[in-house]
Amino acid sequence: MLEIKNLIVSYGAINALQSVSLAVPEGGIVTLIGSNGAGKTTTLKTVSGLLKPKAGEIIYAGKSIAGRPPHEIVKRGLAHVPEGRMIFANLTVLENLQMGAYLVRDKKIVRRELEFVFATFPRLKEREQQVAGTLSGGEQQMLAIGRALMSQPKFLMLDEPSLGLAPRLVKTIFEKIVEINRERGLTILLVEQNANRALEVAGFGYVMETGKITLQGESAALRQNPQVKSAYLGG
């Protein structure tokens, strides 16, 4: 569903991504793991149109989207939950979710998607009229994912969804990611520093170091790889 070929992205004279290639099959969960500064967030930002590539291809659903504006990419069914949540802190939970559906014109569809989000994250229903900036970190992450779901995506990119969360909430967030994938058939590209959790839920994984893909394979195989165990799994 998504294919990245030889992607090069630069910040000035520095190449942040160096000929990165990866693929995400329709209906699957693929994870991209690596340390801070490896280029994971840059990859997602480039796919979602926030950064323009210097070279390479980004093919989504059979069409090139490299360098297209973000709103056009969202319209094609690709949603991005950024690192750090980036919710609208001064708006209520409900208003944040409605902002996620800004491209959806049919009010019946908006209501249906709202019901799905509230069924997936009952805590958000309880906090519907609460100002988003007063939510806990876990609730804000649920809201960020819920807001992305309101755009009716076919493909969801998640950037560090477990960042800064208590272990109990990390477990909940990953359970919800699997649930959304299973119930909606939503294709997911997951960027995550918690490599253990990421490789548990994903079927396939890529390891990124200093702007390059250095390893790739089935998640089960990567979890047994001595290099991955030593660098990312604490073993």
C-alpha atoms as a PDB file:
ATOM      1  CA  MET A   1       0.000   0.000   0.000  1.00  0.00           C
ATOM      2  CA  LEU A   2       2.952   2.284   0.717  1.00  0.00           C
ATOM      3  CA  GLU A   3       6.303   1.949  -0.989  1.00  0.00           C
ATOM      4  CA  ILE A   4       9.273   4.214  -0.356  1.00  0.00           C
ATOM      5  CA  LYS A   5      12.173   3.935  -2.799  1.00  0.00           C
ATOM      6  CA  ASN A   6      15.635   5.459  -2.344  1.00  0.00           C
ATOM      7  CA  LEU A   7      14.319   8.409  -0.349  1.00  0.00           C
ATOM      8  CA  ILE A   8      16.788  11.216   0.359  1.00  0.00           C
ATOM      9  CA  VAL A   9      15.810  14.107   2.631  1.00  0.00           C
ATOM     10  CA  SER A  10      18.149  16.924   3.614  1.00  0.00           C
ATOM     11  CA  TYR A  11      18.248  19.581   6.295  1.00  0.00           C
ATOM     12  CA  GLY A  12      20.508  22.069   4.583  1.00  0.00           C
ATOM     13  CA  ALA A  13      23.766  20.305   3.714  1.00  0.00           C
ATOM     14  CA  ILE A  14      23.018  17.322   5.973  1.00  0.00           C
ATOM     15  CA  ASN A  15      21.272  14.264   4.552  1.00  0.00           C
ATOM     16  CA  ALA A  16      18.804  13.136   7.245  1.00  0.00           C
ATOM     17  CA  LEU A  17      17.649  10.195   5.105  1.00  0.00           C
ATOM     18  CA  GLN A  18      20.060   8.372   2.825  1.00  0.00           C
ATOM     19  CA  SER A  19      18.415   6.206   0.150  1.00  0.00           C
ATOM     20  CA  VAL A  20      15.737   4.808   2.475  1.00  0.00           C
ATOM     21  CA  SER A  21      13.509   2.099   1.001  1.00  0.00           C
ATOM     22  CA  LEU A  22      10.676   0.320   2.772  1.00  0.00           C
ATOM     23  CA  ALA A  23       7.222  -1.134   2.065  1.00  0.00           C
ATOM     24  CA  VAL A  24       4.014  -1.451   4.064  1.00  0.00           C
ATOM     25  CA  PRO A  25       1.490  -4.027   2.755  1.00  0.00           C
ATOM     26  CA  GLU A  26      -2.224  -3.290   2.841  1.00  0.00           C
ATOM     27  CA  GLY A  27      -3.864  -4.342   6.119  1.00  0.00           C
ATOM     28  CA  GLY A  28      -0.556  -4.932   7.908  1.00  0.00           C
ATOM     29  CA  ILE A  29       1.291  -3.360  10.814  1.00  0.00           C
ATOM     30  CA  VAL A  30       4.911  -2.498  10.050  1.00  0.00           C
ATOM     31  CA  THR A  31       7.256  -0.903  12.573  1.00  0.00           C
ATOM     32  CA  LEU A  32      10.267   1.340  12.121  1.00  0.00           C
ATOM     33  CA  ILE A  33      12.557   1.227  15.151  1.00  0.00           C
ATOM     34  CA  GLY A  34      15.805   2.987  15.978  1.00  0.00           C
ATOM     35  CA  SER A  35      17.411   5.366  18.415  1.00  0.00           C
ATOM     36  CA  ASN A  36      16.784   9.107  18.754  1.00  0.00           C
ATOM     37  CA  GLY A  37      17.894  11.054  15.697  1.00  0.00           C
ATOM     38  CA  ALA A  38      17.952   8.000  13.409  1.00  0.00           C
ATOM     39  CA  GLY A  39      15.535   9.598  10.926  1.00  0.00           C
ATOM     40  CA  LYS A  40      12.275   7.867  11.868  1.00  0.00           C
ATOM     41  CA  THR A  41      10.243  11.054  12.398  1.00  0.00           C
ATOM     42  CA  THR A  42      11.752  12.594   9.251  1.00  0.00           C
ATOM     43  CA  THR A  43      10.502   9.574   7.289  1.00  0.00           C
ATOM     44  CA  LEU A  44       6.922  10.030   8.506  1.00  0.00           C
ATOM     45  CA  LYS A  45       6.968  13.793   7.988  1.00  0.00           C
ATOM     46  CA  THR A  46       8.132  13.302   4.411  1.00  0.00           C
ATOM     47  CA  VAL A  47       5.413  10.736   3.670  1.00  0.00           C
ATOM     48  CA  SER A  48       2.731  13.069   5.083  1.00  0.00           C
ATOM     49  CA  GLY A  49       3.957  16.049   3.045  1.00  0.00           C
ATOM     50  CA  LEU A  50       5.426  18.114   5.876  1.00  0.00           C
ATOM     51  CA  LEU A  51       8.910  17.763   4.362  1.00  0.00           C
ATOM     52  CA  LYS A  52       9.883  17.659   0.705  1.00  0.00           C
ATOM     53  CA  PRO A  53      12.285  14.927  -0.438  1.00  0.00           C
ATOM     54  CA  LYS A  54      15.496  15.755  -2.270  1.00  0.00           C
ATOM     55  CA  ALA A  55      15.217  12.526  -4.271  1.00  0.00           C
ATOM     56  CA  GLY A  56      13.408   9.208  -4.303  1.00  0.00           C
ATOM     57  CA  GLU A  57       9.836   7.985  -4.642  1.00  0.00           C
ATOM     58  CA  ILE A  58       6.869   7.665  -2.297  1.00  0.00           C
ATOM     59  CA  ILE A  59       4.118   5.522  -3.818  1.00  0.00           C
ATOM     60  CA  TYR A  60       0.825   5.327  -1.918  1.00  0.00           C
ATOM     61  CA  ALA A  61      -2.056   3.204  -3.241  1.00  0.00           C
ATOM     62  CA  GLY A  62      -0.309   3.029  -6.614  1.00  0.00           C
ATOM     63  CA  LYS A  63       0.241   6.783  -7.019  1.00  0.00           C
ATOM     64  CA  SER A  64       3.181   9.058  -6.323  1.00  0.00           C
ATOM     65  CA  ILE A  65       2.630  11.426  -3.382  1.00  0.00           C
ATOM     66  CA  ALA A  66       6.196  12.705  -2.965  1.00  0.00           C
ATOM     67  CA  GLY A  67       6.126  16.443  -2.365  1.00  0.00           C
ATOM     68  CA  ARG A  68       2.317  16.701  -2.421  1.00  0.00           C
ATOM     69  CA  PRO A  69       0.742  19.106   0.123  1.00  0.00           C
ATOM     70  CA  PRO A  70      -0.383  17.572   3.450  1.00  0.00           C
ATOM     71  CA  HIS A  71      -4.126  18.275   3.015  1.00  0.00           C
ATOM     72  CA  GLU A  72      -4.108  16.426  -0.305  1.00  0.00           C
ATOM     73  CA  ILE A  73      -2.381  13.427   1.287  1.00  0.00           C
ATOM     74  CA  VAL A  74      -4.957  13.360   4.117  1.00  0.00           C
ATOM     75  CA  LYS A  75      -7.717  13.467   1.494  1.00  0.00           C
ATOM     76  CA  ARG A  76      -6.225  10.339  -0.074  1.00  0.00           C
ATOM     77  CA  GLY A  77      -6.713   8.468   3.199  1.00  0.00           C
ATOM     78  CA  LEU A  78      -3.350   8.782   4.920  1.00  0.00           C
ATOM     79  CA  ALA A  79      -3.323  10.140   8.505  1.00  0.00           C
ATOM     80  CA  HIS A  80      -0.337  11.011  10.694  1.00  0.00           C
ATOM     81  CA  VAL A  81      -0.348  11.045  14.521  1.00  0.00           C
ATOM     82  CA  PRO A  82       2.737  13.146  15.287  1.00  0.00           C
ATOM     83  CA  GLU A  83       5.261  12.708  18.065  1.00  0.00           C
ATOM     84  CA  GLY A  84       4.224  14.668  21.145  1.00  0.00           C
ATOM     85  CA  ARG A  85       0.503  14.395  20.353  1.00  0.00           C
ATOM     86  CA  MET A  86       0.135  18.013  19.061  1.00  0.00           C
ATOM     87  CA  ILE A  87      -3.490  18.281  20.151  1.00  0.00           C
ATOM     88  CA  PHE A  88      -5.291  21.643  20.254  1.00  0.00           C
ATOM     89  CA  ALA A  89      -4.808  22.308  23.966  1.00  0.00           C
ATOM     90  CA  ASN A  90      -7.350  25.142  24.239  1.00  0.00           C
ATOM     91  CA  LEU A  91     -10.175  23.222  22.540  1.00  0.00           C
ATOM     92  CA  THR A  92     -12.393  20.568  24.125  1.00  0.00           C
ATOM     93  CA  VAL A  93     -12.024  16.869  23.395  1.00  0.00           C
ATOM     94  CA  LEU A  94     -15.075  17.015  21.120  1.00  0.00           C
ATOM     95  CA  GLU A  95     -13.770  20.072  19.242  1.00  0.00           C
ATOM     96  CA  ASN A  96     -10.404  18.343  18.693  1.00  0.00           C
ATOM     97  CA  LEU A  97     -12.167  15.325  17.214  1.00  0.00           C
ATOM     98  CA  GLN A  98     -14.323  17.516  15.000  1.00  0.00           C
ATOM     99  CA  MET A  99     -11.148  19.204  13.721  1.00  0.00           C
ATOM    100  CA  GLY A 100      -9.956  15.756  12.612  1.00  0.00           C
ATOM    101  CA  ALA A 101     -13.026  15.504  10.356  1.00  0.00           C
ATOM    102  CA  TYR A 102     -12.562  18.907   8.701  1.00  0.00           C
ATOM    103  CA  LEU A 103     -12.438  17.324   5.220  1.00  0.00           C
ATOM    104  CA  VAL A 104     -15.571  15.194   5.808  1.00  0.00           C
ATOM    105  CA  ARG A 105     -18.670  16.992   4.542  1.00  0.00           C
ATOM    106  CA  ASP A 106     -21.349  14.394   5.455  1.00  0.00           C
ATOM    107  CA  LYS A 107     -22.532  14.971   9.034  1.00  0.00           C
ATOM    108  CA  LYS A 108     -23.842  11.404   9.309  1.00  0.00           C
ATOM    109  CA  ILE A 109     -20.341  10.088   8.586  1.00  0.00           C
ATOM    110  CA  VAL A 110     -18.857  12.477  11.168  1.00  0.00           C
ATOM    111  CA  ARG A 111     -21.345  11.170  13.772  1.00  0.00           C
ATOM    112  CA  ARG A 112     -20.560   7.567  12.857  1.00  0.00           C
ATOM    113  CA  GLU A 113     -16.816   8.118  13.134  1.00  0.00           C
ATOM    114  CA  LEU A 114     -17.307   9.920  16.452  1.00  0.00           C
ATOM    115  CA  GLU A 115     -19.227   6.926  17.795  1.00  0.00           C
ATOM    116  CA  PHE A 116     -16.422   4.610  16.674  1.00  0.00           C
ATOM    117  CA  VAL A 117     -13.773   6.759  18.392  1.00  0.00           C
ATOM    118  CA  PHE A 118     -15.812   6.895  21.618  1.00  0.00           C
ATOM    119  CA  ALA A 119     -16.351   3.123  21.479  1.00  0.00           C
ATOM    120  CA  THR A 120     -12.601   2.582  20.989  1.00  0.00           C
ATOM    121  CA  PHE A 121     -11.613   5.099  23.669  1.00  0.00           C
ATOM    122  CA  PRO A 122     -14.473   5.314  26.238  1.00  0.00           C
ATOM    123  CA  ARG A 123     -12.353   7.692  28.338  1.00  0.00           C
ATOM    124  CA  LEU A 124     -12.724  10.315  25.609  1.00  0.00           C
ATOM    125  CA  LYS A 125     -16.510  10.047  25.790  1.00  0.00           C
ATOM    126  CA  GLU A 126     -16.299  10.704  29.537  1.00  0.00           C
ATOM    127  CA  ARG A 127     -14.094  13.754  28.866  1.00  0.00           C
ATOM    128  CA  GLU A 128     -16.018  14.991  25.821  1.00  0.00           C
ATOM    129  CA  GLN A 129     -16.459  18.583  27.085  1.00  0.00           C
ATOM    130  CA  GLN A 130     -13.119  18.794  28.917  1.00  0.00           C
ATOM    131  CA  VAL A 131     -10.415  21.154  27.641  1.00  0.00           C
ATOM    132  CA  ALA A 132      -7.826  18.929  25.958  1.00  0.00           C
ATOM    133  CA  GLY A 133      -4.835  20.590  27.610  1.00  0.00           C
ATOM    134  CA  THR A 134      -6.043  19.368  31.021  1.00  0.00           C
ATOM    135  CA  LEU A 135      -6.071  15.685  30.003  1.00  0.00           C
ATOM    136  CA  SER A 136      -3.424  13.232  31.215  1.00  0.00           C
ATOM    137  CA  GLY A 137      -0.655  12.167  28.817  1.00  0.00           C
ATOM    138  CA  GLY A 138      -2.401   8.881  28.062  1.00  0.00           C
ATOM    139  CA  GLU A 139      -5.716  10.590  27.396  1.00  0.00           C
ATOM    140  CA  GLN A 140      -4.014  13.090  25.095  1.00  0.00           C
ATOM    141  CA  GLN A 141      -2.478  10.203  23.127  1.00  0.00           C
ATOM    142  CA  MET A 142      -5.910   8.588  22.811  1.00  0.00           C
ATOM    143  CA  LEU A 143      -7.247  11.936  21.591  1.00  0.00           C
ATOM    144  CA  ALA A 144      -4.457  12.323  19.018  1.00  0.00           C
ATOM    145  CA  ILE A 145      -5.214   8.854  17.610  1.00  0.00           C
ATOM    146  CA  GLY A 146      -8.955   9.504  17.748  1.00  0.00           C
ATOM    147  CA  ARG A 147      -8.559  12.804  15.900  1.00  0.00           C
ATOM    148  CA  ALA A 148      -6.640  11.013  13.123  1.00  0.00           C
ATOM    149  CA  LEU A 149      -9.354   8.336  12.885  1.00  0.00           C
ATOM    150  CA  MET A 150     -11.989  11.033  12.312  1.00  0.00           C
ATOM    151  CA  SER A 151     -10.558  11.666   8.827  1.00  0.00           C
ATOM    152  CA  GLN A 152     -11.560   8.093   7.822  1.00  0.00           C
ATOM    153  CA  PRO A 153      -8.020   7.031   6.984  1.00  0.00           C
ATOM    154  CA  LYS A 154      -7.054   3.829   5.223  1.00  0.00           C
ATOM    155  CA  PHE A 155      -3.439   4.211   6.345  1.00  0.00           C
ATOM    156  CA  LEU A 156      -2.316   5.417   9.774  1.00  0.00           C
ATOM    157  CA  MET A 157       1.185   6.556  10.736  1.00  0.00           C
ATOM    158  CA  LEU A 158       1.939   6.680  14.463  1.00  0.00           C
ATOM    159  CA  ASP A 159       5.038   8.478  15.752  1.00  0.00           C
ATOM    160  CA  GLU A 160       6.142   7.364  19.240  1.00  0.00           C
ATOM    161  CA  PRO A 161       2.642   6.684  20.667  1.00  0.00           C
ATOM    162  CA  SER A 162       4.073   5.331  23.947  1.00  0.00           C
ATOM    163  CA  LEU A 163       6.385   8.299  24.615  1.00  0.00           C
ATOM    164  CA  GLY A 164       6.160   9.527  28.206  1.00  0.00           C
ATOM    165  CA  LEU A 165       3.343   7.176  29.216  1.00  0.00           C
ATOM    166  CA  ALA A 166       3.119   4.975  32.304  1.00  0.00           C
ATOM    167  CA  PRO A 167       3.606   1.229  31.574  1.00  0.00           C
ATOM    168  CA  ARG A 168      -0.087   0.455  32.150  1.00  0.00           C
ATOM    169  CA  LEU A 169      -1.123   3.054  29.582  1.00  0.00           C
ATOM    170  CA  VAL A 170       1.534   1.881  27.112  1.00  0.00           C
ATOM    171  CA  LYS A 171      -0.094  -1.569  27.221  1.00  0.00           C
ATOM    172  CA  THR A 172      -3.530  -0.020  26.598  1.00  0.00           C
ATOM    173  CA  ILE A 173      -2.341   2.100  23.653  1.00  0.00           C
ATOM    174  CA  PHE A 174      -0.715  -0.888  21.926  1.00  0.00           C
ATOM    175  CA  GLU A 175      -3.836  -3.018  22.497  1.00  0.00           C
ATOM    176  CA  LYS A 176      -5.885  -0.274  20.832  1.00  0.00           C
ATOM    177  CA  ILE A 177      -3.489  -0.106  17.868  1.00  0.00           C
ATOM    178  CA  VAL A 178      -3.998  -3.840  17.278  1.00  0.00           C
ATOM    179  CA  GLU A 179      -7.766  -3.458  17.733  1.00  0.00           C
ATOM    180  CA  ILE A 180      -7.991  -0.617  15.191  1.00  0.00           C
ATOM    181  CA  ASN A 181      -5.913  -2.617  12.704  1.00  0.00           C
ATOM    182  CA  ARG A 182      -8.074  -5.701  13.141  1.00  0.00           C
ATOM    183  CA  GLU A 183     -11.529  -4.100  13.266  1.00  0.00           C
ATOM    184  CA  ARG A 184     -11.011  -1.442  10.619  1.00  0.00           C
ATOM    185  CA  GLY A 185      -8.513  -3.254   8.417  1.00  0.00           C
ATOM    186  CA  LEU A 186      -6.416  -0.116   8.819  1.00  0.00           C
ATOM    187  CA  THR A 187      -2.836  -0.329   7.528  1.00  0.00           C
ATOM    188  CA  ILE A 188      -0.373   0.991  10.130  1.00  0.00           C
ATOM    189  CA  LEU A 189       3.212   2.249  10.037  1.00  0.00           C
ATOM    190  CA  LEU A 190       4.444   2.486  13.619  1.00  0.00           C
ATOM    191  CA  VAL A 191       7.519   4.460  14.652  1.00  0.00           C
ATOM    192  CA  GLU A 192       8.487   3.519  18.181  1.00  0.00           C
ATOM    193  CA  GLN A 193      11.426   3.554  20.568  1.00  0.00           C
ATOM    194  CA  ASN A 194       9.822   0.829  22.689  1.00  0.00           C
ATOM    195  CA  ALA A 195      11.134  -1.836  20.317  1.00  0.00           C
ATOM    196  CA  ASN A 196       9.852  -4.750  22.406  1.00  0.00           C
ATOM    197  CA  ARG A 197       6.246  -3.583  22.219  1.00  0.00           C
ATOM    198  CA  ALA A 198       6.528  -2.502  18.586  1.00  0.00           C
ATOM    199  CA  LEU A 199       7.872  -5.873  17.440  1.00  0.00           C
ATOM    200  CA  GLU A 200       5.158  -7.659  19.450  1.00  0.00           C
ATOM    201  CA  VAL A 201       2.317  -5.977  17.534  1.00  0.00           C
ATOM    202  CA  ALA A 202       3.930  -5.591  14.077  1.00  0.00           C
ATOM    203  CA  GLY A 203       4.312  -8.362  11.549  1.00  0.00           C
ATOM    204  CA  PHE A 204       7.400  -6.862   9.918  1.00  0.00           C
ATOM    205  CA  GLY A 205      10.049  -4.426  11.071  1.00  0.00           C
ATOM    206  CA  TYR A 206      12.779  -2.121   9.827  1.00  0.00           C
ATOM    207  CA  VAL A 207      15.739  -0.897  11.877  1.00  0.00           C
ATOM    208  CA  MET A 208      16.996   2.594  11.090  1.00  0.00           C
ATOM    209  CA  GLU A 209      20.387   4.019  12.063  1.00  0.00           C
ATOM    210  CA  THR A 210      21.691   7.467  11.069  1.00  0.00           C
ATOM    211  CA  GLY A 211      19.301   7.879   8.170  1.00  0.00           C
ATOM    212  CA  LYS A 212      19.700   4.387   6.702  1.00  0.00           C
ATOM    213  CA  ILE A 213      17.781   1.119   6.945  1.00  0.00           C
ATOM    214  CA  THR A 214      20.331  -1.297   8.395  1.00  0.00           C
ATOM    215  CA  LEU A 215      18.136  -4.341   9.078  1.00  0.00           C
ATOM    216  CA  GLN A 216      14.727  -5.596   8.075  1.00  0.00           C
ATOM    217  CA  GLY A 217      12.688  -8.750   8.494  1.00  0.00           C
ATOM    218  CA  GLU A 218       9.769 -10.522  10.126  1.00  0.00           C
ATOM    219  CA  SER A 219       9.267  -9.155  13.638  1.00  0.00           C
ATOM    220  CA  ALA A 220       9.803 -12.561  15.261  1.00  0.00           C
ATOM    221  CA  ALA A 221      13.174 -12.893  13.526  1.00  0.00           C
ATOM    222  CA  LEU A 222      14.244  -9.371  14.474  1.00  0.00           C
ATOM    223  CA  ARG A 223      13.429 -10.066  18.127  1.00  0.00           C
ATOM    224  CA  GLN A 224      15.869 -12.972  18.022  1.00  0.00           C
ATOM    225  CA  ASN A 225      18.579 -11.048  16.159  1.00  0.00           C
ATOM    226  CA  PRO A 226      21.594 -10.540  18.498  1.00  0.00           C
ATOM    227  CA  GLN A 227      22.275  -7.057  17.132  1.00  0.00           C
ATOM    228  CA  VAL A 228      18.663  -5.936  17.703  1.00  0.00           C
ATOM    229  CA  LYS A 229      18.551  -7.593  21.127  1.00  0.00           C
ATOM    230  CA  SER A 230      21.732  -5.855  22.227  1.00  0.00           C
ATOM    231  CA  ALA A 231      20.887  -2.393  20.880  1.00  0.00           C
ATOM    232  CA  TYR A 232      17.125  -2.134  21.366  1.00  0.00           C
ATOM    233  CA  LEU A 233      15.697  -4.950  23.490  1.00  0.00           C
ATOM    234  CA  GLY A 234      17.977  -4.733  26.503  1.00  0.00           C
ATOM    235  CA  GLY A 235      19.325  -8.220  26.014  1.00  0.00           C
END
